[in-house]
Amino acid sequence: MATIRASCPDCGDVELTTGDMSVRVCADDQRSAYVFRCPDCRMAVTKAAEPRIVDLLVSSGVTLQTWRLPAELLEQPLGEPFTHDDLLEFHELLQGDSWYDALTR
């Protein structure tokens, strides 16, 4: 396994093996990052990675994970925007005993 030097925000430079980190790439917009747990403080560390860094890490044996943006980001909102008055009205509805019946009607 290759040894990789990375930087922890608290501990500074640390040495890792290819099994200690993974690379994550978004299939939708190609954003990428490498992720590892610091061997000294055990904090999870995530750092953005340019394509050349991704290629270098993956070619040295680091696991590549792909992910997709949540479908909710692509949804188009329908209807009027939710207002502060709507929130206050909903809050008042929940103060009564029959809120569930009012919502299911």
PDB file of N, CA and C in Angstrom:
ATOM      1  N   MET A   1       0.830  -1.187   0.000  1.00  0.00           N
ATOM      2  CA  MET A   1       0.000   0.000   0.000  1.00  0.00           C
ATOM      3  C   MET A   1       0.875   1.252   0.000  1.00  0.00           C
ATOM      4  N   ALA A   2       0.424   2.242  -0.726  1.00  0.00           N
ATOM      5  CA  ALA A   2       1.156   3.505  -0.801  1.00  0.00           C
ATOM      6  C   ALA A   2       0.918   4.328   0.467  1.00  0.00           C
ATOM      7  N   THR A   3       1.882   5.130   0.822  1.00  0.00           N
ATOM      8  CA  THR A   3       1.749   6.067   1.935  1.00  0.00           C
ATOM      9  C   THR A   3       1.397   7.430   1.364  1.00  0.00           C
ATOM     10  N   ILE A   4       0.409   8.059   1.969  1.00  0.00           N
ATOM     11  CA  ILE A   4      -0.087   9.352   1.490  1.00  0.00           C
ATOM     12  C   ILE A   4       0.011  10.348   2.634  1.00  0.00           C
ATOM     13  N   ARG A   5       0.515  11.514   2.343  1.00  0.00           N
ATOM     14  CA  ARG A   5       0.571  12.577   3.338  1.00  0.00           C
ATOM     15  C   ARG A   5      -0.610  13.509   3.101  1.00  0.00           C
ATOM     16  N   ALA A   6      -1.363  13.749   4.165  1.00  0.00           N
ATOM     17  CA  ALA A   6      -2.505  14.665   4.099  1.00  0.00           C
ATOM     18  C   ALA A   6      -2.416  15.593   5.303  1.00  0.00           C
ATOM     19  N   SER A   7      -3.310  16.560   5.351  1.00  0.00           N
ATOM     20  CA  SER A   7      -3.268  17.554   6.417  1.00  0.00           C
ATOM     21  C   SER A   7      -4.564  17.550   7.211  1.00  0.00           C
ATOM     22  N   CYS A   8      -4.435  17.410   8.513  1.00  0.00           N
ATOM     23  CA  CYS A   8      -5.571  17.517   9.433  1.00  0.00           C
ATOM     24  C   CYS A   8      -5.603  18.957   9.940  1.00  0.00           C
ATOM     25  N   PRO A   9      -6.780  19.577  10.019  1.00  0.00           N
ATOM     26  CA  PRO A   9      -6.845  20.968  10.487  1.00  0.00           C
ATOM     27  C   PRO A   9      -6.313  21.156  11.909  1.00  0.00           C
ATOM     28  N   ASP A  10      -6.400  20.117  12.747  1.00  0.00           N
ATOM     29  CA  ASP A  10      -5.935  20.230  14.127  1.00  0.00           C
ATOM     30  C   ASP A  10      -4.507  19.735  14.329  1.00  0.00           C
ATOM     31  N   CYS A  11      -4.155  18.636  13.645  1.00  0.00           N
ATOM     32  CA  CYS A  11      -2.869  17.974  13.896  1.00  0.00           C
ATOM     33  C   CYS A  11      -1.785  18.328  12.884  1.00  0.00           C
ATOM     34  N   GLY A  12      -2.148  18.921  11.762  1.00  0.00           N
ATOM     35  CA  GLY A  12      -1.181  19.211  10.713  1.00  0.00           C
ATOM     36  C   GLY A  12      -0.982  18.000   9.814  1.00  0.00           C
ATOM     37  N   ASP A  13       0.219  17.851   9.285  1.00  0.00           N
ATOM     38  CA  ASP A  13       0.494  16.749   8.353  1.00  0.00           C
ATOM     39  C   ASP A  13       0.438  15.400   9.062  1.00  0.00           C
ATOM     40  N   VAL A  14      -0.242  14.443   8.421  1.00  0.00           N
ATOM     41  CA  VAL A  14      -0.333  13.069   8.922  1.00  0.00           C
ATOM     42  C   VAL A  14      -0.051  12.124   7.767  1.00  0.00           C
ATOM     43  N   GLU A  15       0.389  10.934   8.085  1.00  0.00           N
ATOM     44  CA  GLU A  15       0.639   9.933   7.059  1.00  0.00           C
ATOM     45  C   GLU A  15      -0.459   8.881   7.103  1.00  0.00           C
ATOM     46  N   LEU A  16      -0.972   8.537   5.927  1.00  0.00           N
ATOM     47  CA  LEU A  16      -2.065   7.583   5.783  1.00  0.00           C
ATOM     48  C   LEU A  16      -1.685   6.546   4.747  1.00  0.00           C
ATOM     49  N   THR A  17      -2.412   5.453   4.735  1.00  0.00           N
ATOM     50  CA  THR A  17      -2.265   4.485   3.653  1.00  0.00           C
ATOM     51  C   THR A  17      -3.464   4.636   2.730  1.00  0.00           C
ATOM     52  N   THR A  18      -3.417   3.977   1.591  1.00  0.00           N
ATOM     53  CA  THR A  18      -4.528   4.073   0.641  1.00  0.00           C
ATOM     54  C   THR A  18      -5.823   3.525   1.243  1.00  0.00           C
ATOM     55  N   GLY A  19      -5.711   2.610   2.187  1.00  0.00           N
ATOM     56  CA  GLY A  19      -6.902   2.064   2.836  1.00  0.00           C
ATOM     57  C   GLY A  19      -7.513   2.989   3.869  1.00  0.00           C
ATOM     58  N   ASP A  20      -6.787   4.030   4.258  1.00  0.00           N
ATOM     59  CA  ASP A  20      -7.269   4.964   5.281  1.00  0.00           C
ATOM     60  C   ASP A  20      -8.143   6.077   4.719  1.00  0.00           C
ATOM     61  N   MET A  21      -8.192   6.203   3.409  1.00  0.00           N
ATOM     62  CA  MET A  21      -8.965   7.306   2.832  1.00  0.00           C
ATOM     63  C   MET A  21      -9.807   6.818   1.674  1.00  0.00           C
ATOM     64  N   SER A  22     -10.741   7.637   1.271  1.00  0.00           N
ATOM     65  CA  SER A  22     -11.547   7.362   0.075  1.00  0.00           C
ATOM     66  C   SER A  22     -11.743   8.669  -0.687  1.00  0.00           C
ATOM     67  N   VAL A  23     -12.066   8.530  -1.956  1.00  0.00           N
ATOM     68  CA  VAL A  23     -12.337   9.674  -2.819  1.00  0.00           C
ATOM     69  C   VAL A  23     -13.804   9.611  -3.204  1.00  0.00           C
ATOM     70  N   ARG A  24     -14.496  10.721  -3.099  1.00  0.00           N
ATOM     71  CA  ARG A  24     -15.917  10.788  -3.451  1.00  0.00           C
ATOM     72  C   ARG A  24     -16.104  11.788  -4.582  1.00  0.00           C
ATOM     73  N   VAL A  25     -16.819  11.338  -5.630  1.00  0.00           N
ATOM     74  CA  VAL A  25     -17.069  12.184  -6.797  1.00  0.00           C
ATOM     75  C   VAL A  25     -18.576  12.218  -7.047  1.00  0.00           C
ATOM     76  N   CYS A  26     -19.115  13.425  -7.213  1.00  0.00           N
ATOM     77  CA  CYS A  26     -20.528  13.589  -7.538  1.00  0.00           C
ATOM     78  C   CYS A  26     -20.722  13.328  -9.031  1.00  0.00           C
ATOM     79  N   ALA A  27     -21.587  12.384  -9.356  1.00  0.00           N
ATOM     80  CA  ALA A  27     -21.833  12.025 -10.752  1.00  0.00           C
ATOM     81  C   ALA A  27     -22.580  13.129 -11.498  1.00  0.00           C
ATOM     82  N   ASP A  28     -23.247  14.019 -10.788  1.00  0.00           N
ATOM     83  CA  ASP A  28     -24.058  15.053 -11.435  1.00  0.00           C
ATOM     84  C   ASP A  28     -23.252  16.293 -11.822  1.00  0.00           C
ATOM     85  N   ASP A  29     -22.348  16.723 -10.956  1.00  0.00           N
ATOM     86  CA  ASP A  29     -21.610  17.957 -11.264  1.00  0.00           C
ATOM     87  C   ASP A  29     -20.085  17.794 -11.161  1.00  0.00           C
ATOM     88  N   GLN A  30     -19.629  16.579 -10.945  1.00  0.00           N
ATOM     89  CA  GLN A  30     -18.201  16.245 -10.917  1.00  0.00           C
ATOM     90  C   GLN A  30     -17.416  16.878  -9.760  1.00  0.00           C
ATOM     91  N   ARG A  31     -18.110  17.411  -8.747  1.00  0.00           N
ATOM     92  CA  ARG A  31     -17.390  17.877  -7.565  1.00  0.00           C
ATOM     93  C   ARG A  31     -16.760  16.666  -6.888  1.00  0.00           C
ATOM     94  N   SER A  32     -15.585  16.845  -6.334  1.00  0.00           N
ATOM     95  CA  SER A  32     -14.921  15.706  -5.714  1.00  0.00           C
ATOM     96  C   SER A  32     -14.195  16.126  -4.441  1.00  0.00           C
ATOM     97  N   ALA A  33     -13.971  15.129  -3.586  1.00  0.00           N
ATOM     98  CA  ALA A  33     -13.284  15.359  -2.318  1.00  0.00           C
ATOM     99  C   ALA A  33     -12.625  14.062  -1.883  1.00  0.00           C
ATOM    100  N   TYR A  34     -11.601  14.192  -1.046  1.00  0.00           N
ATOM    101  CA  TYR A  34     -11.067  13.008  -0.404  1.00  0.00           C
ATOM    102  C   TYR A  34     -11.400  13.094   1.081  1.00  0.00           C
ATOM    103  N   VAL A  35     -11.587  11.924   1.681  1.00  0.00           N
ATOM    104  CA  VAL A  35     -12.081  11.832   3.051  1.00  0.00           C
ATOM    105  C   VAL A  35     -11.204  10.858   3.822  1.00  0.00           C
ATOM    106  N   PHE A  36     -10.863  11.226   5.048  1.00  0.00           N
ATOM    107  CA  PHE A  36     -10.114  10.317   5.908  1.00  0.00           C
ATOM    108  C   PHE A  36     -10.371  10.666   7.364  1.00  0.00           C
ATOM    109  N   ARG A  37     -10.030   9.729   8.242  1.00  0.00           N
ATOM    110  CA  ARG A  37     -10.088   9.978   9.675  1.00  0.00           C
ATOM    111  C   ARG A  37      -8.654  10.156  10.153  1.00  0.00           C
ATOM    112  N   CYS A  38      -8.395  11.264  10.820  1.00  0.00           N
ATOM    113  CA  CYS A  38      -7.037  11.562  11.278  1.00  0.00           C
ATOM    114  C   CYS A  38      -6.572  10.457  12.224  1.00  0.00           C
ATOM    115  N   PRO A  39      -5.399   9.894  11.971  1.00  0.00           N
ATOM    116  CA  PRO A  39      -4.910   8.829  12.844  1.00  0.00           C
ATOM    117  C   PRO A  39      -4.526   9.322  14.246  1.00  0.00           C
ATOM    118  N   ASP A  40      -4.327  10.611  14.409  1.00  0.00           N
ATOM    119  CA  ASP A  40      -3.945  11.148  15.720  1.00  0.00           C
ATOM    120  C   ASP A  40      -5.152  11.541  16.562  1.00  0.00           C
ATOM    121  N   CYS A  41      -6.015  12.419  16.030  1.00  0.00           N
ATOM    122  CA  CYS A  41      -7.156  12.921  16.819  1.00  0.00           C
ATOM    123  C   CYS A  41      -8.471  12.222  16.497  1.00  0.00           C
ATOM    124  N   ARG A  42      -8.486  11.374  15.471  1.00  0.00           N
ATOM    125  CA  ARG A  42      -9.660  10.591  15.040  1.00  0.00           C
ATOM    126  C   ARG A  42     -10.783  11.449  14.452  1.00  0.00           C
ATOM    127  N   MET A  43     -10.519  12.720  14.173  1.00  0.00           N
ATOM    128  CA  MET A  43     -11.528  13.593  13.562  1.00  0.00           C
ATOM    129  C   MET A  43     -11.680  13.243  12.079  1.00  0.00           C
ATOM    130  N   ALA A  44     -12.913  13.246  11.593  1.00  0.00           N
ATOM    131  CA  ALA A  44     -13.161  13.040  10.163  1.00  0.00           C
ATOM    132  C   ALA A  44     -12.780  14.309   9.412  1.00  0.00           C
ATOM    133  N   VAL A  45     -12.018  14.138   8.346  1.00  0.00           N
ATOM    134  CA  VAL A  45     -11.528  15.277   7.566  1.00  0.00           C
ATOM    135  C   VAL A  45     -11.969  15.091   6.120  1.00  0.00           C
ATOM    136  N   THR A  46     -12.507  16.143   5.537  1.00  0.00           N
ATOM    137  CA  THR A  46     -12.904  16.147   4.133  1.00  0.00           C
ATOM    138  C   THR A  46     -12.255  17.343   3.466  1.00  0.00           C
ATOM    139  N   LYS A  47     -11.642  17.096   2.323  1.00  0.00           N
ATOM    140  CA  LYS A  47     -10.992  18.176   1.575  1.00  0.00           C
ATOM    141  C   LYS A  47     -11.402  18.084   0.110  1.00  0.00           C
ATOM    142  N   ALA A  48     -11.706  19.228  -0.497  1.00  0.00           N
ATOM    143  CA  ALA A  48     -12.033  19.263  -1.921  1.00  0.00           C
ATOM    144  C   ALA A  48     -10.813  18.797  -2.718  1.00  0.00           C
ATOM    145  N   ALA A  49     -11.085  18.130  -3.842  1.00  0.00           N
ATOM    146  CA  ALA A  49      -9.990  17.604  -4.658  1.00  0.00           C
ATOM    147  C   ALA A  49     -10.215  17.923  -6.123  1.00  0.00           C
ATOM    148  N   GLU A  50      -9.181  18.426  -6.761  1.00  0.00           N
ATOM    149  CA  GLU A  50      -9.232  18.682  -8.202  1.00  0.00           C
ATOM    150  C   GLU A  50      -9.124  17.345  -8.937  1.00  0.00           C
ATOM    151  N   PRO A  51      -9.568  17.314 -10.206  1.00  0.00           N
ATOM    152  CA  PRO A  51      -9.521  16.054 -10.966  1.00  0.00           C
ATOM    153  C   PRO A  51      -8.152  15.383 -10.998  1.00  0.00           C
ATOM    154  N   ARG A  52      -7.066  16.155 -11.062  1.00  0.00           N
ATOM    155  CA  ARG A  52      -5.736  15.538 -11.112  1.00  0.00           C
ATOM    156  C   ARG A  52      -5.395  14.852  -9.794  1.00  0.00           C
ATOM    157  N   ILE A  53      -5.870  15.402  -8.665  1.00  0.00           N
ATOM    158  CA  ILE A  53      -5.651  14.779  -7.355  1.00  0.00           C
ATOM    159  C   ILE A  53      -6.471  13.493  -7.260  1.00  0.00           C
ATOM    160  N   VAL A  54      -7.715  13.540  -7.755  1.00  0.00           N
ATOM    161  CA  VAL A  54      -8.561  12.342  -7.776  1.00  0.00           C
ATOM    162  C   VAL A  54      -7.869  11.241  -8.570  1.00  0.00           C
ATOM    163  N   ASP A  55      -7.395  11.574  -9.756  1.00  0.00           N
ATOM    164  CA  ASP A  55      -6.706  10.585 -10.597  1.00  0.00           C
ATOM    165  C   ASP A  55      -5.494  10.001  -9.886  1.00  0.00           C
ATOM    166  N   LEU A  56      -4.713  10.847  -9.249  1.00  0.00           N
ATOM    167  CA  LEU A  56      -3.515  10.403  -8.554  1.00  0.00           C
ATOM    168  C   LEU A  56      -3.861   9.458  -7.396  1.00  0.00           C
ATOM    169  N   LEU A  57      -4.851   9.842  -6.598  1.00  0.00           N
ATOM    170  CA  LEU A  57      -5.234   9.012  -5.455  1.00  0.00           C
ATOM    171  C   LEU A  57      -5.809   7.674  -5.898  1.00  0.00           C
ATOM    172  N   VAL A  58      -6.716   7.701  -6.887  1.00  0.00           N
ATOM    173  CA  VAL A  58      -7.336   6.462  -7.360  1.00  0.00           C
ATOM    174  C   VAL A  58      -6.294   5.546  -8.000  1.00  0.00           C
ATOM    175  N   SER A  59      -5.370   6.113  -8.754  1.00  0.00           N
ATOM    176  CA  SER A  59      -4.342   5.294  -9.400  1.00  0.00           C
ATOM    177  C   SER A  59      -3.388   4.673  -8.376  1.00  0.00           C
ATOM    178  N   SER A  60      -3.307   5.275  -7.173  1.00  0.00           N
ATOM    179  CA  SER A  60      -2.454   4.698  -6.138  1.00  0.00           C
ATOM    180  C   SER A  60      -3.194   3.689  -5.269  1.00  0.00           C
ATOM    181  N   GLY A  61      -4.494   3.500  -5.533  1.00  0.00           N
ATOM    182  CA  GLY A  61      -5.242   2.467  -4.825  1.00  0.00           C
ATOM    183  C   GLY A  61      -6.317   2.940  -3.873  1.00  0.00           C
ATOM    184  N   VAL A  62      -6.565   4.240  -3.795  1.00  0.00           N
ATOM    185  CA  VAL A  62      -7.619   4.762  -2.923  1.00  0.00           C
ATOM    186  C   VAL A  62      -8.980   4.422  -3.532  1.00  0.00           C
ATOM    187  N   THR A  63      -9.919   4.011  -2.683  1.00  0.00           N
ATOM    188  CA  THR A  63     -11.258   3.637  -3.119  1.00  0.00           C
ATOM    189  C   THR A  63     -12.013   4.850  -3.657  1.00  0.00           C
ATOM    190  N   LEU A  64     -12.660   4.673  -4.810  1.00  0.00           N
ATOM    191  CA  LEU A  64     -13.467   5.726  -5.430  1.00  0.00           C
ATOM    192  C   LEU A  64     -14.941   5.442  -5.166  1.00  0.00           C
ATOM    193  N   GLN A  65     -15.646   6.428  -4.643  1.00  0.00           N
ATOM    194  CA  GLN A  65     -17.090   6.330  -4.409  1.00  0.00           C
ATOM    195  C   GLN A  65     -17.772   7.421  -5.223  1.00  0.00           C
ATOM    196  N   THR A  66     -18.821   7.050  -5.945  1.00  0.00           N
ATOM    197  CA  THR A  66     -19.601   8.068  -6.663  1.00  0.00           C
ATOM    198  C   THR A  66     -20.933   8.233  -5.952  1.00  0.00           C
ATOM    199  N   TRP A  67     -21.474   9.437  -6.036  1.00  0.00           N
ATOM    200  CA  TRP A  67     -22.764   9.729  -5.415  1.00  0.00           C
ATOM    201  C   TRP A  67     -23.520  10.686  -6.308  1.00  0.00           C
ATOM    202  N   ARG A  68     -24.803  10.822  -6.056  1.00  0.00           N
ATOM    203  CA  ARG A  68     -25.658  11.712  -6.851  1.00  0.00           C
ATOM    204  C   ARG A  68     -26.299  12.757  -5.935  1.00  0.00           C
ATOM    205  N   LEU A  69     -26.581  13.914  -6.507  1.00  0.00           N
ATOM    206  CA  LEU A  69     -27.304  14.943  -5.770  1.00  0.00           C
ATOM    207  C   LEU A  69     -28.709  14.440  -5.451  1.00  0.00           C
ATOM    208  N   PRO A  70     -29.290  14.842  -4.316  1.00  0.00           N
ATOM    209  CA  PRO A  70     -30.651  14.419  -3.991  1.00  0.00           C
ATOM    210  C   PRO A  70     -31.642  14.913  -5.054  1.00  0.00           C
ATOM    211  N   ALA A  71     -32.603  14.078  -5.385  1.00  0.00           N
ATOM    212  CA  ALA A  71     -33.600  14.421  -6.404  1.00  0.00           C
ATOM    213  C   ALA A  71     -34.388  15.677  -6.023  1.00  0.00           C
ATOM    214  N   GLU A  72     -34.498  15.946  -4.732  1.00  0.00           N
ATOM    215  CA  GLU A  72     -35.255  17.121  -4.275  1.00  0.00           C
ATOM    216  C   GLU A  72     -34.667  18.425  -4.795  1.00  0.00           C
ATOM    217  N   LEU A  73     -33.381  18.449  -5.090  1.00  0.00           N
ATOM    218  CA  LEU A  73     -32.764  19.662  -5.625  1.00  0.00           C
ATOM    219  C   LEU A  73     -33.268  20.002  -7.023  1.00  0.00           C
ATOM    220  N   LEU A  74     -33.775  19.003  -7.724  1.00  0.00           N
ATOM    221  CA  LEU A  74     -34.261  19.220  -9.084  1.00  0.00           C
ATOM    222  C   LEU A  74     -35.757  19.514  -9.139  1.00  0.00           C
ATOM    223  N   GLU A  75     -36.437  19.371  -8.014  1.00  0.00           N
ATOM    224  CA  GLU A  75     -37.883  19.603  -7.979  1.00  0.00           C
ATOM    225  C   GLU A  75     -38.197  21.086  -8.169  1.00  0.00           C
ATOM    226  N   GLN A  76     -39.244  21.346  -8.919  1.00  0.00           N
ATOM    227  CA  GLN A  76     -39.740  22.710  -9.084  1.00  0.00           C
ATOM    228  C   GLN A  76     -40.858  22.937  -8.076  1.00  0.00           C
ATOM    229  N   PRO A  77     -40.743  23.958  -7.232  1.00  0.00           N
ATOM    230  CA  PRO A  77     -41.793  24.195  -6.233  1.00  0.00           C
ATOM    231  C   PRO A  77     -43.117  24.545  -6.901  1.00  0.00           C
ATOM    232  N   LEU A  78     -44.188  24.024  -6.317  1.00  0.00           N
ATOM    233  CA  LEU A  78     -45.528  24.307  -6.806  1.00  0.00           C
ATOM    234  C   LEU A  78     -46.256  25.158  -5.776  1.00  0.00           C
ATOM    235  N   GLY A  79     -47.157  26.000  -6.237  1.00  0.00           N
ATOM    236  CA  GLY A  79     -47.954  26.807  -5.329  1.00  0.00           C
ATOM    237  C   GLY A  79     -47.228  28.038  -4.836  1.00  0.00           C
ATOM    238  N   GLU A  80     -47.885  28.699  -3.910  1.00  0.00           N
ATOM    239  CA  GLU A  80     -47.361  29.931  -3.337  1.00  0.00           C
ATOM    240  C   GLU A  80     -46.258  29.621  -2.321  1.00  0.00           C
ATOM    241  N   PRO A  81     -45.292  30.507  -2.172  1.00  0.00           N
ATOM    242  CA  PRO A  81     -44.260  30.301  -1.157  1.00  0.00           C
ATOM    243  C   PRO A  81     -44.856  30.294   0.247  1.00  0.00           C
ATOM    244  N   PHE A  82     -44.266  29.547   1.152  1.00  0.00           N
ATOM    245  CA  PHE A  82     -44.671  29.458   2.544  1.00  0.00           C
ATOM    246  C   PHE A  82     -44.266  30.762   3.226  1.00  0.00           C
ATOM    247  N   THR A  83     -45.191  31.418   3.909  1.00  0.00           N
ATOM    248  CA  THR A  83     -44.914  32.720   4.521  1.00  0.00           C
ATOM    249  C   THR A  83     -44.839  32.604   6.047  1.00  0.00           C
ATOM    250  N   HIS A  84     -44.435  33.700   6.690  1.00  0.00           N
ATOM    251  CA  HIS A  84     -44.429  33.734   8.157  1.00  0.00           C
ATOM    252  C   HIS A  84     -45.846  33.596   8.697  1.00  0.00           C
ATOM    253  N   ASP A  85     -46.811  34.195   8.006  1.00  0.00           N
ATOM    254  CA  ASP A  85     -48.206  34.074   8.439  1.00  0.00           C
ATOM    255  C   ASP A  85     -48.663  32.615   8.383  1.00  0.00           C
ATOM    256  N   ASP A  86     -48.248  31.880   7.346  1.00  0.00           N
ATOM    257  CA  ASP A  86     -48.581  30.460   7.255  1.00  0.00           C
ATOM    258  C   ASP A  86     -48.004  29.697   8.449  1.00  0.00           C
ATOM    259  N   LEU A  87     -46.787  30.033   8.826  1.00  0.00           N
ATOM    260  CA  LEU A  87     -46.143  29.374   9.958  1.00  0.00           C
ATOM    261  C   LEU A  87     -46.883  29.669  11.260  1.00  0.00           C
ATOM    262  N   LEU A  88     -47.256  30.919  11.458  1.00  0.00           N
ATOM    263  CA  LEU A  88     -48.001  31.281  12.669  1.00  0.00           C
ATOM    264  C   LEU A  88     -49.358  30.580  12.710  1.00  0.00           C
ATOM    265  N   GLU A  89     -50.028  30.525  11.577  1.00  0.00           N
ATOM    266  CA  GLU A  89     -51.320  29.844  11.499  1.00  0.00           C
ATOM    267  C   GLU A  89     -51.168  28.350  11.829  1.00  0.00           C
ATOM    268  N   PHE A  90     -50.118  27.725  11.312  1.00  0.00           N
ATOM    269  CA  PHE A  90     -49.867  26.309  11.586  1.00  0.00           C
ATOM    270  C   PHE A  90     -49.557  26.104  13.070  1.00  0.00           C
ATOM    271  N   HIS A  91     -48.768  27.003  13.646  1.00  0.00           N
ATOM    272  CA  HIS A  91     -48.442  26.937  15.074  1.00  0.00           C
ATOM    273  C   HIS A  91     -49.712  27.017  15.919  1.00  0.00           C
ATOM    274  N   GLU A  92     -50.599  27.943  15.579  1.00  0.00           N
ATOM    275  CA  GLU A  92     -51.857  28.090  16.318  1.00  0.00           C
ATOM    276  C   GLU A  92     -52.720  26.842  16.168  1.00  0.00           C
ATOM    277  N   LEU A  93     -52.721  26.253  14.992  1.00  0.00           N
ATOM    278  CA  LEU A  93     -53.481  25.022  14.758  1.00  0.00           C
ATOM    279  C   LEU A  93     -52.980  23.908  15.676  1.00  0.00           C
ATOM    280  N   LEU A  94     -51.676  23.810  15.847  1.00  0.00           N
ATOM    281  CA  LEU A  94     -51.105  22.745  16.676  1.00  0.00           C
ATOM    282  C   LEU A  94     -51.366  22.941  18.163  1.00  0.00           C
ATOM    283  N   GLN A  95     -51.745  24.144  18.564  1.00  0.00           N
ATOM    284  CA  GLN A  95     -52.042  24.403  19.972  1.00  0.00           C
ATOM    285  C   GLN A  95     -53.356  23.773  20.415  1.00  0.00           C
ATOM    286  N   GLY A  96     -54.259  23.529  19.470  1.00  0.00           N
ATOM    287  CA  GLY A  96     -55.549  22.932  19.808  1.00  0.00           C
ATOM    288  C   GLY A  96     -55.478  21.410  19.856  1.00  0.00           C
ATOM    289  N   ASP A  97     -56.568  20.787  20.327  1.00  0.00           N
ATOM    290  CA  ASP A  97     -56.614  19.331  20.443  1.00  0.00           C
ATOM    291  C   ASP A  97     -57.010  18.645  19.141  1.00  0.00           C
ATOM    292  N   SER A  98     -57.609  19.386  18.233  1.00  0.00           N
ATOM    293  CA  SER A  98     -58.129  18.743  17.015  1.00  0.00           C
ATOM    294  C   SER A  98     -57.252  19.027  15.793  1.00  0.00           C
ATOM    295  N   TRP A  99     -55.961  19.260  15.986  1.00  0.00           N
ATOM    296  CA  TRP A  99     -55.079  19.619  14.880  1.00  0.00           C
ATOM    297  C   TRP A  99     -54.965  18.497  13.851  1.00  0.00           C
ATOM    298  N   TYR A 100     -54.947  17.250  14.317  1.00  0.00           N
ATOM    299  CA  TYR A 100     -54.800  16.145  13.373  1.00  0.00           C
ATOM    300  C   TYR A 100     -56.038  16.043  12.477  1.00  0.00           C
ATOM    301  N   ASP A 101     -57.226  16.199  13.066  1.00  0.00           N
ATOM    302  CA  ASP A 101     -58.457  16.143  12.266  1.00  0.00           C
ATOM    303  C   ASP A 101     -58.510  17.275  11.252  1.00  0.00           C
ATOM    304  N   ALA A 102     -58.033  18.467  11.656  1.00  0.00           N
ATOM    305  CA  ALA A 102     -58.026  19.612  10.743  1.00  0.00           C
ATOM    306  C   ALA A 102     -57.071  19.385   9.590  1.00  0.00           C
ATOM    307  N   LEU A 103     -55.937  18.747   9.822  1.00  0.00           N
ATOM    308  CA  LEU A 103     -54.963  18.507   8.765  1.00  0.00           C
ATOM    309  C   LEU A 103     -55.406  17.400   7.806  1.00  0.00           C
ATOM    310  N   THR A 104     -56.149  16.439   8.280  1.00  0.00           N
ATOM    311  CA  THR A 104     -56.555  15.319   7.423  1.00  0.00           C
ATOM    312  C   THR A 104     -57.819  15.612   6.635  1.00  0.00           C
ATOM    313  N   ARG A 105     -58.489  16.710   6.919  1.00  0.00           N
ATOM    314  CA  ARG A 105     -59.686  17.057   6.146  1.00  0.00           C
ATOM    315  C   ARG A 105     -59.346  17.564   4.793  1.00  0.00           C
TER     316      ARG A 105
END
